[in-house]
Amino acid sequence: MTRLKSIAELNKLRERIIKQRDPSKPCIAVCSTGCAASGANAVIDAFRKEIKKKRLQNKVDIRATGCQGFCECGPIAVVFPKKIFYQKLKPEDAKEIIEKTIGQDQIIERLLYTDPATGKKIITEDEIPFYKKQLRLITGYNTLIDPTKIEDYLAIGGYSALPKVLSGIKPEDIITEIKKSGLRGRGGAGFPTAAKWQACREAHGEPKYIRPPA
């Protein structure tokens, strides 16, 4: 990607990325973080091979995403644009999903989530009780982003706060906003982000770096 030199260039790039994307184009979003422990990488490879085999590279996208949250159901895949939720996938399921769900708009019942309280099969991600009881302000976007593609982040509004930050807000004011938000790290300690940023701000020397958790 070409280096951006202004906020205007950032906004133009975002507009161009969004314009080039077709929201109706099928996309299979597979969790590739926690689900990797249950075989997600093999599932992703199987999808890619099947898509290539059927010459659907320009018609179907495969997206390896960050954590989708429902780890006990992994490997997980959400099929867009209908947000069909398939769980506990195996590599051999890829062919059936491509042929039936993508090719024939059919739901594969055996791969759906079953609500243990009602015994009901649930089709879409949004209707699963685990997700309905949450307000996922950040992680709710995970199915829309391949962490290795900055274009995905820009397409959902990534860096929208950057113009405001660069337009004159003092570093101390930014830290105050983070403190008010209560934002914490996702590690086991849940360390307050503002405390870390403030310690870095007050440290001697330039430049300053914050080391991410291992």
N, C-alpha and C. Protein backbone atom coordinates (compact mmCIF):
# COMPACT_ATOMS: atom_id res chain seq x y z
N MET A 1 0.84 -1.19 0.00
CA MET A 1 0.00 0.00 0.00
C MET A 1 0.88 1.24 0.00
N THR A 2 0.50 2.25 -0.80
CA THR A 2 1.25 3.50 -0.87
C THR A 2 1.12 4.27 0.43
N ARG A 3 2.21 4.90 0.85
CA ARG A 3 2.17 5.69 2.08
C ARG A 3 1.20 6.86 1.94
N LEU A 4 0.35 7.03 2.94
CA LEU A 4 -0.61 8.13 2.93
C LEU A 4 0.01 9.37 3.55
N LYS A 5 -0.25 10.53 2.96
CA LYS A 5 0.38 11.76 3.42
C LYS A 5 -0.59 12.75 4.04
N SER A 6 -1.86 12.42 4.03
CA SER A 6 -2.85 13.34 4.59
C SER A 6 -4.11 12.59 4.99
N ILE A 7 -4.94 13.25 5.80
CA ILE A 7 -6.22 12.68 6.19
C ILE A 7 -7.12 12.54 4.97
N ALA A 8 -7.02 13.50 4.05
CA ALA A 8 -7.83 13.45 2.83
C ALA A 8 -7.51 12.18 2.03
N GLU A 9 -6.24 11.82 1.96
CA GLU A 9 -5.84 10.60 1.23
C GLU A 9 -6.36 9.36 1.94
N LEU A 10 -6.37 9.39 3.26
CA LEU A 10 -6.92 8.27 4.03
C LEU A 10 -8.40 8.09 3.72
N ASN A 11 -9.14 9.18 3.72
CA ASN A 11 -10.58 9.12 3.46
C ASN A 11 -10.87 8.65 2.03
N LYS A 12 -10.07 9.11 1.06
CA LYS A 12 -10.25 8.69 -0.32
C LYS A 12 -9.97 7.20 -0.48
N LEU A 13 -8.94 6.73 0.21
CA LEU A 13 -8.61 5.31 0.16
C LEU A 13 -9.75 4.48 0.74
N ARG A 14 -10.30 4.91 1.86
CA ARG A 14 -11.41 4.18 2.48
C ARG A 14 -12.61 4.13 1.53
N GLU A 15 -12.94 5.26 0.91
CA GLU A 15 -14.06 5.31 -0.01
C GLU A 15 -13.85 4.37 -1.20
N ARG A 16 -12.61 4.33 -1.69
CA ARG A 16 -12.30 3.48 -2.84
C ARG A 16 -12.43 2.01 -2.49
N ILE A 17 -11.95 1.64 -1.29
CA ILE A 17 -12.03 0.25 -0.83
C ILE A 17 -13.49 -0.19 -0.70
N ILE A 18 -14.31 0.66 -0.08
CA ILE A 18 -15.72 0.33 0.13
C ILE A 18 -16.45 0.22 -1.21
N LYS A 19 -16.14 1.13 -2.13
CA LYS A 19 -16.79 1.13 -3.44
C LYS A 19 -16.47 -0.12 -4.23
N GLN A 20 -15.28 -0.65 -4.06
CA GLN A 20 -14.84 -1.83 -4.81
C GLN A 20 -15.43 -3.13 -4.26
N ARG A 21 -16.02 -3.07 -3.07
CA ARG A 21 -16.52 -4.29 -2.44
C ARG A 21 -18.01 -4.49 -2.70
N ASP A 22 -18.36 -5.73 -2.95
CA ASP A 22 -19.75 -6.10 -3.20
C ASP A 22 -20.31 -6.79 -1.96
N PRO A 23 -21.21 -6.12 -1.22
CA PRO A 23 -21.74 -6.71 0.02
C PRO A 23 -22.54 -7.99 -0.20
N SER A 24 -22.96 -8.24 -1.44
CA SER A 24 -23.73 -9.45 -1.72
C SER A 24 -22.85 -10.62 -2.12
N LYS A 25 -21.55 -10.39 -2.28
CA LYS A 25 -20.63 -11.45 -2.68
C LYS A 25 -20.44 -12.44 -1.53
N PRO A 26 -20.59 -13.74 -1.80
CA PRO A 26 -20.40 -14.74 -0.72
C PRO A 26 -18.99 -14.68 -0.14
N CYS A 27 -18.93 -14.78 1.16
CA CYS A 27 -17.65 -14.81 1.86
C CYS A 27 -17.76 -15.77 3.04
N ILE A 28 -16.78 -16.64 3.18
CA ILE A 28 -16.75 -17.59 4.29
C ILE A 28 -15.70 -17.13 5.27
N ALA A 29 -16.14 -16.69 6.45
CA ALA A 29 -15.23 -16.17 7.47
C ALA A 29 -14.98 -17.25 8.52
N VAL A 30 -13.74 -17.73 8.57
CA VAL A 30 -13.38 -18.83 9.48
C VAL A 30 -12.45 -18.31 10.57
N CYS A 31 -12.79 -18.57 11.84
CA CYS A 31 -11.93 -18.18 12.94
C CYS A 31 -10.59 -18.92 12.82
N SER A 32 -9.49 -18.16 12.92
CA SER A 32 -8.17 -18.79 12.74
C SER A 32 -7.25 -18.58 13.94
N THR A 33 -7.83 -18.14 15.07
CA THR A 33 -7.00 -17.95 16.27
C THR A 33 -7.21 -19.10 17.25
N GLY A 34 -8.14 -18.94 18.18
CA GLY A 34 -8.41 -20.02 19.14
C GLY A 34 -8.85 -21.30 18.45
N CYS A 35 -9.59 -21.16 17.36
CA CYS A 35 -10.08 -22.33 16.63
C CYS A 35 -8.95 -23.10 15.94
N ALA A 36 -7.78 -22.49 15.85
CA ALA A 36 -6.64 -23.19 15.24
C ALA A 36 -6.31 -24.45 16.04
N ALA A 37 -6.57 -24.40 17.34
CA ALA A 37 -6.28 -25.55 18.19
C ALA A 37 -7.19 -26.73 17.88
N SER A 38 -8.34 -26.46 17.27
CA SER A 38 -9.27 -27.55 16.94
C SER A 38 -9.29 -27.85 15.44
N GLY A 39 -8.29 -27.32 14.72
CA GLY A 39 -8.15 -27.70 13.31
C GLY A 39 -8.61 -26.69 12.29
N ALA A 40 -8.75 -25.42 12.68
CA ALA A 40 -9.27 -24.40 11.76
C ALA A 40 -8.39 -24.19 10.54
N ASN A 41 -7.08 -24.28 10.71
CA ASN A 41 -6.18 -24.04 9.57
C ASN A 41 -6.39 -25.07 8.46
N ALA A 42 -6.63 -26.31 8.85
CA ALA A 42 -6.91 -27.35 7.85
C ALA A 42 -8.24 -27.08 7.16
N VAL A 43 -9.20 -26.55 7.91
CA VAL A 43 -10.51 -26.22 7.34
C VAL A 43 -10.36 -25.09 6.32
N ILE A 44 -9.59 -24.07 6.68
CA ILE A 44 -9.36 -22.94 5.77
C ILE A 44 -8.68 -23.41 4.49
N ASP A 45 -7.67 -24.26 4.64
CA ASP A 45 -6.97 -24.80 3.47
C ASP A 45 -7.93 -25.59 2.57
N ALA A 46 -8.83 -26.33 3.20
CA ALA A 46 -9.80 -27.13 2.42
C ALA A 46 -10.74 -26.22 1.64
N PHE A 47 -11.18 -25.12 2.26
CA PHE A 47 -12.04 -24.16 1.56
C PHE A 47 -11.30 -23.56 0.36
N ARG A 48 -10.06 -23.16 0.58
CA ARG A 48 -9.28 -22.55 -0.50
C ARG A 48 -9.07 -23.52 -1.67
N LYS A 49 -8.79 -24.77 -1.36
CA LYS A 49 -8.59 -25.77 -2.40
C LYS A 49 -9.89 -26.01 -3.17
N GLU A 50 -10.99 -26.06 -2.45
CA GLU A 50 -12.28 -26.32 -3.09
C GLU A 50 -12.70 -25.14 -3.98
N ILE A 51 -12.46 -23.93 -3.49
CA ILE A 51 -12.77 -22.73 -4.27
C ILE A 51 -11.94 -22.70 -5.55
N LYS A 52 -10.67 -23.04 -5.42
CA LYS A 52 -9.79 -23.07 -6.59
C LYS A 52 -10.19 -24.18 -7.55
N LYS A 53 -10.53 -25.33 -6.99
CA LYS A 53 -10.92 -26.49 -7.82
C LYS A 53 -12.13 -26.16 -8.68
N LYS A 54 -13.07 -25.41 -8.10
CA LYS A 54 -14.30 -25.08 -8.83
C LYS A 54 -14.18 -23.74 -9.56
N ARG A 55 -12.98 -23.15 -9.54
CA ARG A 55 -12.69 -21.88 -10.23
C ARG A 55 -13.63 -20.77 -9.78
N LEU A 56 -13.77 -20.67 -8.46
CA LEU A 56 -14.66 -19.65 -7.88
C LEU A 56 -13.88 -18.52 -7.21
N GLN A 57 -12.60 -18.39 -7.53
CA GLN A 57 -11.76 -17.40 -6.85
C GLN A 57 -12.31 -15.98 -6.95
N ASN A 58 -12.96 -15.66 -8.06
CA ASN A 58 -13.51 -14.31 -8.25
C ASN A 58 -14.96 -14.18 -7.80
N LYS A 59 -15.54 -15.29 -7.36
CA LYS A 59 -16.95 -15.27 -6.97
C LYS A 59 -17.17 -15.53 -5.49
N VAL A 60 -16.20 -16.14 -4.81
CA VAL A 60 -16.32 -16.47 -3.39
C VAL A 60 -15.04 -16.08 -2.66
N ASP A 61 -15.19 -15.39 -1.55
CA ASP A 61 -14.03 -15.02 -0.73
C ASP A 61 -13.93 -15.95 0.47
N ILE A 62 -12.70 -16.20 0.90
CA ILE A 62 -12.45 -16.92 2.15
C ILE A 62 -11.66 -15.99 3.04
N ARG A 63 -12.11 -15.80 4.28
CA ARG A 63 -11.47 -14.86 5.18
C ARG A 63 -11.07 -15.56 6.48
N ALA A 64 -9.77 -15.58 6.76
CA ALA A 64 -9.28 -16.11 8.04
C ALA A 64 -9.32 -14.97 9.05
N THR A 65 -10.13 -15.11 10.09
CA THR A 65 -10.39 -14.00 11.00
C THR A 65 -9.76 -14.18 12.37
N GLY A 66 -9.90 -13.13 13.18
CA GLY A 66 -9.55 -13.24 14.58
C GLY A 66 -10.63 -13.99 15.32
N CYS A 67 -10.52 -14.05 16.63
CA CYS A 67 -11.44 -14.84 17.44
C CYS A 67 -12.89 -14.40 17.27
N GLN A 68 -13.77 -15.36 17.00
CA GLN A 68 -15.19 -15.08 16.86
C GLN A 68 -15.96 -15.29 18.17
N GLY A 69 -15.25 -15.71 19.21
CA GLY A 69 -15.84 -15.71 20.54
C GLY A 69 -16.36 -17.03 21.06
N PHE A 70 -17.05 -17.80 20.23
CA PHE A 70 -17.71 -19.01 20.70
C PHE A 70 -16.75 -20.20 20.54
N CYS A 71 -15.68 -20.19 21.33
CA CYS A 71 -14.57 -21.14 21.14
C CYS A 71 -14.97 -22.60 21.27
N GLU A 72 -15.94 -22.90 22.12
CA GLU A 72 -16.33 -24.30 22.33
C GLU A 72 -16.95 -24.92 21.09
N CYS A 73 -17.34 -24.07 20.12
CA CYS A 73 -17.96 -24.56 18.90
C CYS A 73 -16.98 -24.66 17.74
N GLY A 74 -15.72 -24.33 17.98
CA GLY A 74 -14.74 -24.28 16.91
C GLY A 74 -14.45 -25.65 16.30
N PRO A 75 -13.94 -25.63 15.06
CA PRO A 75 -13.79 -24.48 14.17
C PRO A 75 -15.13 -23.91 13.72
N ILE A 76 -15.20 -22.58 13.70
CA ILE A 76 -16.41 -21.85 13.35
C ILE A 76 -16.25 -21.19 11.99
N ALA A 77 -17.35 -21.14 11.23
CA ALA A 77 -17.39 -20.37 9.99
C ALA A 77 -18.72 -19.62 9.91
N VAL A 78 -18.66 -18.37 9.50
CA VAL A 78 -19.87 -17.59 9.24
C VAL A 78 -19.90 -17.31 7.74
N VAL A 79 -20.99 -17.71 7.10
CA VAL A 79 -21.12 -17.55 5.65
C VAL A 79 -21.94 -16.30 5.35
N PHE A 80 -21.28 -15.31 4.77
CA PHE A 80 -21.94 -14.06 4.40
C PHE A 80 -22.45 -14.16 2.97
N PRO A 81 -23.49 -13.38 2.59
CA PRO A 81 -24.04 -12.26 3.34
C PRO A 81 -25.14 -12.60 4.35
N LYS A 82 -25.59 -13.86 4.41
CA LYS A 82 -26.71 -14.21 5.30
C LYS A 82 -26.28 -14.48 6.73
N LYS A 83 -24.96 -14.51 6.99
CA LYS A 83 -24.41 -14.76 8.33
C LYS A 83 -24.83 -16.13 8.88
N ILE A 84 -24.81 -17.14 8.00
CA ILE A 84 -25.11 -18.51 8.41
C ILE A 84 -23.96 -19.01 9.29
N PHE A 85 -24.28 -19.55 10.43
CA PHE A 85 -23.28 -19.98 11.42
C PHE A 85 -23.12 -21.49 11.38
N TYR A 86 -21.94 -21.93 10.97
CA TYR A 86 -21.61 -23.36 10.99
C TYR A 86 -20.54 -23.61 12.03
N GLN A 87 -20.65 -24.75 12.72
CA GLN A 87 -19.76 -25.01 13.84
C GLN A 87 -19.17 -26.43 13.82
N LYS A 88 -18.08 -26.57 14.58
CA LYS A 88 -17.37 -27.85 14.71
C LYS A 88 -17.05 -28.45 13.34
N LEU A 89 -16.49 -27.60 12.49
CA LEU A 89 -16.22 -28.01 11.12
C LEU A 89 -15.01 -28.92 11.00
N LYS A 90 -15.03 -29.71 9.94
CA LYS A 90 -13.90 -30.56 9.56
C LYS A 90 -13.55 -30.23 8.11
N PRO A 91 -12.32 -30.49 7.69
CA PRO A 91 -11.92 -30.17 6.31
C PRO A 91 -12.88 -30.73 5.26
N GLU A 92 -13.41 -31.92 5.50
CA GLU A 92 -14.30 -32.54 4.51
C GLU A 92 -15.65 -31.82 4.38
N ASP A 93 -15.95 -30.92 5.33
CA ASP A 93 -17.21 -30.16 5.24
C ASP A 93 -17.12 -29.04 4.21
N ALA A 94 -15.91 -28.64 3.86
CA ALA A 94 -15.72 -27.51 2.94
C ALA A 94 -16.42 -27.75 1.61
N LYS A 95 -16.26 -28.93 1.07
CA LYS A 95 -16.85 -29.24 -0.24
C LYS A 95 -18.36 -29.10 -0.20
N GLU A 96 -18.99 -29.62 0.85
CA GLU A 96 -20.45 -29.57 0.95
C GLU A 96 -20.95 -28.13 1.12
N ILE A 97 -20.23 -27.33 1.89
CA ILE A 97 -20.62 -25.94 2.08
C ILE A 97 -20.53 -25.16 0.77
N ILE A 98 -19.45 -25.38 0.03
CA ILE A 98 -19.29 -24.70 -1.26
C ILE A 98 -20.38 -25.13 -2.23
N GLU A 99 -20.65 -26.44 -2.29
CA GLU A 99 -21.63 -26.95 -3.25
C GLU A 99 -23.07 -26.59 -2.88
N LYS A 100 -23.41 -26.78 -1.61
CA LYS A 100 -24.81 -26.60 -1.21
C LYS A 100 -25.15 -25.18 -0.76
N THR A 101 -24.38 -24.64 0.21
CA THR A 101 -24.72 -23.32 0.75
C THR A 101 -24.37 -22.21 -0.22
N ILE A 102 -23.17 -22.28 -0.80
CA ILE A 102 -22.77 -21.25 -1.76
C ILE A 102 -23.42 -21.48 -3.12
N GLY A 103 -23.37 -22.72 -3.61
CA GLY A 103 -23.86 -22.99 -4.95
C GLY A 103 -25.36 -23.10 -5.09
N GLN A 104 -26.03 -23.63 -4.04
CA GLN A 104 -27.47 -23.90 -4.16
C GLN A 104 -28.31 -23.18 -3.11
N ASP A 105 -27.67 -22.34 -2.29
CA ASP A 105 -28.37 -21.57 -1.25
C ASP A 105 -29.12 -22.48 -0.28
N GLN A 106 -28.50 -23.63 0.04
CA GLN A 106 -29.11 -24.58 0.96
C GLN A 106 -28.41 -24.52 2.33
N ILE A 107 -29.19 -24.76 3.37
CA ILE A 107 -28.67 -24.83 4.74
C ILE A 107 -28.29 -26.27 5.05
N ILE A 108 -27.12 -26.46 5.64
CA ILE A 108 -26.68 -27.80 6.03
C ILE A 108 -27.01 -27.99 7.51
N GLU A 109 -28.09 -28.70 7.76
CA GLU A 109 -28.65 -28.82 9.10
C GLU A 109 -27.64 -29.37 10.13
N ARG A 110 -26.89 -30.38 9.75
CA ARG A 110 -26.01 -31.05 10.71
C ARG A 110 -24.88 -30.15 11.21
N LEU A 111 -24.60 -29.06 10.49
CA LEU A 111 -23.51 -28.16 10.89
C LEU A 111 -24.01 -26.95 11.69
N LEU A 112 -25.33 -26.86 11.87
CA LEU A 112 -25.88 -25.74 12.62
C LEU A 112 -25.71 -25.93 14.12
N TYR A 113 -25.80 -24.82 14.85
CA TYR A 113 -25.73 -24.86 16.31
C TYR A 113 -27.11 -25.25 16.86
N THR A 114 -27.11 -26.12 17.86
CA THR A 114 -28.34 -26.52 18.53
C THR A 114 -28.41 -25.88 19.91
N ASP A 115 -29.47 -25.13 20.15
CA ASP A 115 -29.65 -24.48 21.45
C ASP A 115 -29.94 -25.58 22.49
N PRO A 116 -29.06 -25.76 23.49
CA PRO A 116 -29.27 -26.83 24.47
C PRO A 116 -30.52 -26.64 25.31
N ALA A 117 -31.01 -25.40 25.42
CA ALA A 117 -32.19 -25.14 26.24
C ALA A 117 -33.48 -25.50 25.52
N THR A 118 -33.49 -25.38 24.20
CA THR A 118 -34.72 -25.62 23.44
C THR A 118 -34.61 -26.78 22.46
N GLY A 119 -33.38 -27.19 22.14
CA GLY A 119 -33.18 -28.23 21.15
C GLY A 119 -33.37 -27.74 19.73
N LYS A 120 -33.53 -26.42 19.57
CA LYS A 120 -33.78 -25.82 18.27
C LYS A 120 -32.48 -25.57 17.51
N LYS A 121 -32.49 -25.87 16.21
CA LYS A 121 -31.37 -25.56 15.34
C LYS A 121 -31.42 -24.07 15.01
N ILE A 122 -30.27 -23.40 15.12
CA ILE A 122 -30.22 -21.96 14.85
C ILE A 122 -29.35 -21.71 13.63
N ILE A 123 -29.87 -20.90 12.72
CA ILE A 123 -29.20 -20.70 11.44
C ILE A 123 -28.18 -19.57 11.47
N THR A 124 -28.58 -18.40 11.95
CA THR A 124 -27.70 -17.24 11.85
C THR A 124 -26.96 -16.95 13.16
N GLU A 125 -25.81 -16.35 13.01
CA GLU A 125 -24.98 -16.00 14.16
C GLU A 125 -25.73 -15.11 15.15
N ASP A 126 -26.47 -14.13 14.63
CA ASP A 126 -27.15 -13.15 15.49
C ASP A 126 -28.21 -13.76 16.39
N GLU A 127 -28.75 -14.93 16.01
CA GLU A 127 -29.83 -15.55 16.77
C GLU A 127 -29.34 -16.52 17.83
N ILE A 128 -28.05 -16.77 17.88
CA ILE A 128 -27.49 -17.68 18.89
C ILE A 128 -27.48 -16.99 20.25
N PRO A 129 -28.06 -17.59 21.29
CA PRO A 129 -28.14 -16.95 22.61
C PRO A 129 -26.80 -16.43 23.13
N PHE A 130 -25.73 -17.16 22.88
CA PHE A 130 -24.39 -16.74 23.33
C PHE A 130 -24.06 -15.35 22.82
N TYR A 131 -24.42 -15.06 21.58
CA TYR A 131 -24.13 -13.75 20.99
C TYR A 131 -25.20 -12.71 21.32
N LYS A 132 -26.45 -13.13 21.40
CA LYS A 132 -27.55 -12.20 21.65
C LYS A 132 -27.43 -11.50 23.01
N LYS A 133 -26.77 -12.17 23.96
CA LYS A 133 -26.65 -11.61 25.30
C LYS A 133 -25.43 -10.70 25.45
N GLN A 134 -24.71 -10.47 24.34
CA GLN A 134 -23.51 -9.65 24.40
C GLN A 134 -23.65 -8.39 23.55
N LEU A 135 -22.91 -7.36 23.94
CA LEU A 135 -22.77 -6.16 23.13
C LEU A 135 -21.29 -6.07 22.78
N ARG A 136 -20.93 -6.63 21.63
CA ARG A 136 -19.52 -6.74 21.25
C ARG A 136 -19.11 -5.51 20.44
N LEU A 137 -18.68 -4.48 21.15
CA LEU A 137 -18.36 -3.21 20.51
C LEU A 137 -17.17 -3.32 19.56
N ILE A 138 -16.20 -4.13 19.91
CA ILE A 138 -15.00 -4.28 19.08
C ILE A 138 -14.95 -5.66 18.44
N THR A 139 -15.03 -6.70 19.25
CA THR A 139 -14.88 -8.06 18.72
C THR A 139 -16.03 -8.48 17.80
N GLY A 140 -17.12 -7.73 17.82
CA GLY A 140 -18.23 -8.02 16.93
C GLY A 140 -17.87 -7.82 15.46
N TYR A 141 -16.78 -7.10 15.22
CA TYR A 141 -16.31 -6.87 13.85
C TYR A 141 -15.35 -7.95 13.37
N ASN A 142 -15.01 -8.88 14.23
CA ASN A 142 -13.96 -9.84 13.88
C ASN A 142 -14.24 -10.66 12.63
N THR A 143 -15.50 -10.99 12.39
CA THR A 143 -15.81 -11.79 11.21
C THR A 143 -15.62 -10.99 9.92
N LEU A 144 -15.47 -9.67 10.04
CA LEU A 144 -15.33 -8.81 8.86
C LEU A 144 -13.89 -8.49 8.54
N ILE A 145 -12.97 -8.96 9.38
CA ILE A 145 -11.57 -8.56 9.22
C ILE A 145 -10.63 -9.75 9.16
N ASP A 146 -9.80 -9.75 8.14
CA ASP A 146 -8.61 -10.60 8.11
C ASP A 146 -7.51 -9.75 8.73
N PRO A 147 -6.96 -10.15 9.88
CA PRO A 147 -5.97 -9.32 10.57
C PRO A 147 -4.73 -8.99 9.74
N THR A 148 -4.50 -9.72 8.66
CA THR A 148 -3.33 -9.45 7.82
C THR A 148 -3.65 -8.46 6.70
N LYS A 149 -4.91 -8.01 6.61
CA LYS A 149 -5.30 -7.10 5.53
C LYS A 149 -5.83 -5.80 6.11
N ILE A 150 -5.02 -4.75 6.02
CA ILE A 150 -5.40 -3.46 6.57
C ILE A 150 -6.62 -2.89 5.84
N GLU A 151 -6.83 -3.32 4.59
CA GLU A 151 -7.99 -2.85 3.84
C GLU A 151 -9.30 -3.24 4.52
N ASP A 152 -9.33 -4.43 5.14
CA ASP A 152 -10.54 -4.86 5.85
C ASP A 152 -10.84 -3.93 7.01
N TYR A 153 -9.81 -3.51 7.72
CA TYR A 153 -9.99 -2.61 8.87
C TYR A 153 -10.47 -1.24 8.40
N LEU A 154 -9.88 -0.75 7.33
CA LEU A 154 -10.29 0.55 6.79
C LEU A 154 -11.74 0.52 6.32
N ALA A 155 -12.15 -0.61 5.75
CA ALA A 155 -13.51 -0.72 5.20
C ALA A 155 -14.58 -0.62 6.27
N ILE A 156 -14.28 -0.99 7.51
CA ILE A 156 -15.28 -0.91 8.57
C ILE A 156 -15.15 0.38 9.40
N GLY A 157 -14.30 1.30 8.91
CA GLY A 157 -14.15 2.58 9.61
C GLY A 157 -12.90 2.71 10.43
N GLY A 158 -11.96 1.79 10.26
CA GLY A 158 -10.71 1.86 11.02
C GLY A 158 -9.98 3.17 10.82
N TYR A 159 -9.39 3.67 11.89
CA TYR A 159 -8.65 4.94 11.91
C TYR A 159 -9.55 6.16 11.76
N SER A 160 -10.85 6.01 11.94
CA SER A 160 -11.74 7.16 11.84
C SER A 160 -11.44 8.23 12.89
N ALA A 161 -10.91 7.80 14.03
CA ALA A 161 -10.58 8.77 15.09
C ALA A 161 -9.27 9.49 14.84
N LEU A 162 -8.50 9.01 13.87
CA LEU A 162 -7.18 9.58 13.62
C LEU A 162 -7.21 11.06 13.28
N PRO A 163 -8.13 11.53 12.41
CA PRO A 163 -8.17 12.97 12.12
C PRO A 163 -8.36 13.82 13.37
N LYS A 164 -9.22 13.36 14.27
CA LYS A 164 -9.48 14.11 15.50
C LYS A 164 -8.24 14.16 16.38
N VAL A 165 -7.54 13.03 16.46
CA VAL A 165 -6.34 12.97 17.29
C VAL A 165 -5.24 13.86 16.74
N LEU A 166 -5.11 13.88 15.41
CA LEU A 166 -4.04 14.65 14.78
C LEU A 166 -4.36 16.13 14.62
N SER A 167 -5.60 16.51 14.93
CA SER A 167 -6.01 17.89 14.70
C SER A 167 -5.78 18.81 15.90
N GLY A 168 -5.10 18.31 16.91
CA GLY A 168 -4.77 19.22 18.01
C GLY A 168 -5.07 18.72 19.41
N ILE A 169 -5.57 17.50 19.57
CA ILE A 169 -5.82 16.98 20.90
C ILE A 169 -4.50 16.67 21.59
N LYS A 170 -4.36 17.10 22.81
CA LYS A 170 -3.13 16.86 23.56
C LYS A 170 -3.03 15.39 23.98
N PRO A 171 -1.82 14.85 24.04
CA PRO A 171 -1.64 13.45 24.47
C PRO A 171 -2.30 13.18 25.81
N GLU A 172 -2.21 14.13 26.73
CA GLU A 172 -2.81 13.95 28.06
C GLU A 172 -4.32 13.80 27.97
N ASP A 173 -4.93 14.53 27.03
CA ASP A 173 -6.39 14.45 26.86
C ASP A 173 -6.80 13.09 26.30
N ILE A 174 -5.95 12.55 25.43
CA ILE A 174 -6.24 11.21 24.88
C ILE A 174 -6.18 10.17 25.99
N ILE A 175 -5.17 10.27 26.83
CA ILE A 175 -5.03 9.33 27.94
C ILE A 175 -6.23 9.44 28.88
N THR A 176 -6.71 10.68 29.10
CA THR A 176 -7.88 10.89 29.95
C THR A 176 -9.11 10.19 29.36
N GLU A 177 -9.29 10.28 28.04
CA GLU A 177 -10.42 9.63 27.39
C GLU A 177 -10.34 8.12 27.54
N ILE A 178 -9.13 7.58 27.37
CA ILE A 178 -8.95 6.14 27.53
C ILE A 178 -9.24 5.71 28.96
N LYS A 179 -8.85 6.56 29.91
CA LYS A 179 -9.10 6.26 31.33
C LYS A 179 -10.61 6.24 31.60
N LYS A 180 -11.34 7.20 31.03
CA LYS A 180 -12.79 7.26 31.21
C LYS A 180 -13.48 6.04 30.60
N SER A 181 -12.91 5.54 29.52
CA SER A 181 -13.53 4.41 28.83
C SER A 181 -13.43 3.11 29.62
N GLY A 182 -12.43 3.03 30.52
CA GLY A 182 -12.23 1.81 31.29
C GLY A 182 -11.58 0.70 30.49
N LEU A 183 -11.00 1.05 29.36
CA LEU A 183 -10.38 0.05 28.49
C LEU A 183 -9.26 -0.69 29.21
N ARG A 184 -9.27 -2.01 29.07
CA ARG A 184 -8.26 -2.86 29.70
C ARG A 184 -7.66 -3.83 28.68
N GLY A 185 -6.49 -4.33 29.01
CA GLY A 185 -5.86 -5.33 28.15
C GLY A 185 -6.63 -6.63 28.21
N ARG A 186 -6.47 -7.46 27.17
CA ARG A 186 -7.21 -8.72 27.11
C ARG A 186 -6.46 -9.87 27.77
N GLY A 187 -5.30 -9.59 28.32
CA GLY A 187 -4.56 -10.63 29.02
C GLY A 187 -5.24 -10.97 30.34
N GLY A 188 -4.72 -11.95 31.03
CA GLY A 188 -5.33 -12.39 32.28
C GLY A 188 -5.40 -11.34 33.35
N ALA A 189 -4.44 -10.40 33.36
CA ALA A 189 -4.40 -9.37 34.40
C ALA A 189 -5.42 -8.27 34.15
N GLY A 190 -5.87 -8.09 32.91
CA GLY A 190 -6.81 -7.03 32.60
C GLY A 190 -6.28 -5.66 32.98
N PHE A 191 -5.00 -5.41 32.68
CA PHE A 191 -4.34 -4.18 33.12
C PHE A 191 -4.94 -2.96 32.42
N PRO A 192 -5.22 -1.86 33.16
CA PRO A 192 -5.81 -0.65 32.57
C PRO A 192 -4.89 -0.05 31.49
N THR A 193 -5.43 0.11 30.31
CA THR A 193 -4.65 0.64 29.19
C THR A 193 -4.15 2.05 29.46
N ALA A 194 -4.98 2.88 30.07
CA ALA A 194 -4.59 4.27 30.35
C ALA A 194 -3.37 4.35 31.26
N ALA A 195 -3.30 3.45 32.24
CA ALA A 195 -2.15 3.45 33.16
C ALA A 195 -0.86 3.14 32.41
N LYS A 196 -0.94 2.22 31.48
CA LYS A 196 0.23 1.86 30.68
C LYS A 196 0.66 3.03 29.79
N TRP A 197 -0.33 3.65 29.14
CA TRP A 197 -0.02 4.77 28.25
C TRP A 197 0.56 5.96 29.04
N GLN A 198 -0.01 6.20 30.22
CA GLN A 198 0.47 7.33 31.03
C GLN A 198 1.90 7.09 31.50
N ALA A 199 2.20 5.87 31.90
CA ALA A 199 3.56 5.54 32.34
C ALA A 199 4.55 5.75 31.20
N CYS A 200 4.14 5.38 30.00
CA CYS A 200 4.99 5.58 28.83
C CYS A 200 5.16 7.06 28.53
N ARG A 201 4.08 7.81 28.65
CA ARG A 201 4.12 9.26 28.39
C ARG A 201 5.07 9.97 29.35
N GLU A 202 5.08 9.54 30.60
CA GLU A 202 5.89 10.21 31.62
C GLU A 202 7.32 9.70 31.70
N ALA A 203 7.62 8.64 30.97
CA ALA A 203 8.99 8.09 30.99
C ALA A 203 9.95 9.02 30.26
N HIS A 204 11.21 8.99 30.68
CA HIS A 204 12.23 9.83 30.06
C HIS A 204 12.70 9.21 28.74
N GLY A 205 13.14 10.06 27.83
CA GLY A 205 13.71 9.58 26.57
C GLY A 205 12.74 9.61 25.42
N GLU A 206 13.28 9.68 24.20
CA GLU A 206 12.51 9.65 22.96
C GLU A 206 13.25 8.79 21.94
N PRO A 207 12.59 8.05 21.07
CA PRO A 207 11.14 7.80 21.07
C PRO A 207 10.75 6.82 22.16
N LYS A 208 9.45 6.65 22.34
CA LYS A 208 8.94 5.75 23.38
C LYS A 208 8.12 4.63 22.73
N TYR A 209 8.23 3.46 23.34
CA TYR A 209 7.52 2.29 22.81
C TYR A 209 6.80 1.57 23.94
N ILE A 210 5.66 0.98 23.60
CA ILE A 210 4.96 0.10 24.53
C ILE A 210 5.02 -1.29 23.94
N ARG A 211 5.61 -2.19 24.67
CA ARG A 211 5.75 -3.58 24.19
C ARG A 211 4.43 -4.32 24.36
N PRO A 212 3.92 -4.93 23.27
CA PRO A 212 2.68 -5.70 23.40
C PRO A 212 2.93 -6.96 24.22
N PRO A 213 1.88 -7.52 24.82
CA PRO A 213 2.05 -8.75 25.58
C PRO A 213 2.51 -9.89 24.71
N ALA A 214 3.31 -10.79 25.27
CA ALA A 214 3.82 -11.93 24.50
C ALA A 214 2.71 -12.91 24.21
